[in-house]
């Protein structure tokens, strides 16, 4: 029997990072009087969080002629964006139910330690998970197996005994989870599976994935 271990991605899995980024963009536009059309550019240029932040803020600064340096824009973003994360009562309740059933729950996320830990705190997730591993703190990124192993260990689990990885990235979460020997759930967010080794299950969001684990794992 697979051990009751569920590792979750953070951005756009346990939290709505896309919503927080859009609201950050709205604040930047309002602060600098950039006009409503700038919001869609700021969202598109972000690449759903995949555009490297030094490149992103260099492009933002150049396009809008902002006085702040790239470093200043990025530093302010690392404070502002996590504060815009809204706790999801459905996700919190689902994680609590998993723990009541004996599951160990961890977060495996790529990103800077300060930003990701602040996101976890603003989302009020620290009280419903057993541990986390952030790439910026560990010096390794998903899909590398070692990051999953660190998260499992911090949850008091052994990656070699299996479990589940749940996330919205086909490569980092599904591919990485499979390489780590985990069953996987892909959060599709309305997208079509892009191809490659298929996940064990596909669900629209984290709450549905949790229900799936509670009902069928």
Foldseek 3Di string as FASTA:
>chain_A
DFAQEEEEEPDQAQWPLLVLQLVVLVVVCVVLVVDPVVSVVLSVLCVSVPPPQLVSLVVVCVVRVDPDDSVVVVVVCLVRSLLSIEADVLSQVLLQVSVVVPHAYEYEYEDAPSSVVSNCVNNVPPVRHQYYFYCNVVVDAFLALVRVQVRQVSSVHGLVSEHEFEEADCGRTQVSNVVSVYQYEHQPCPHDPPDDDDGPYYDPHNSVVSVCVVPPD
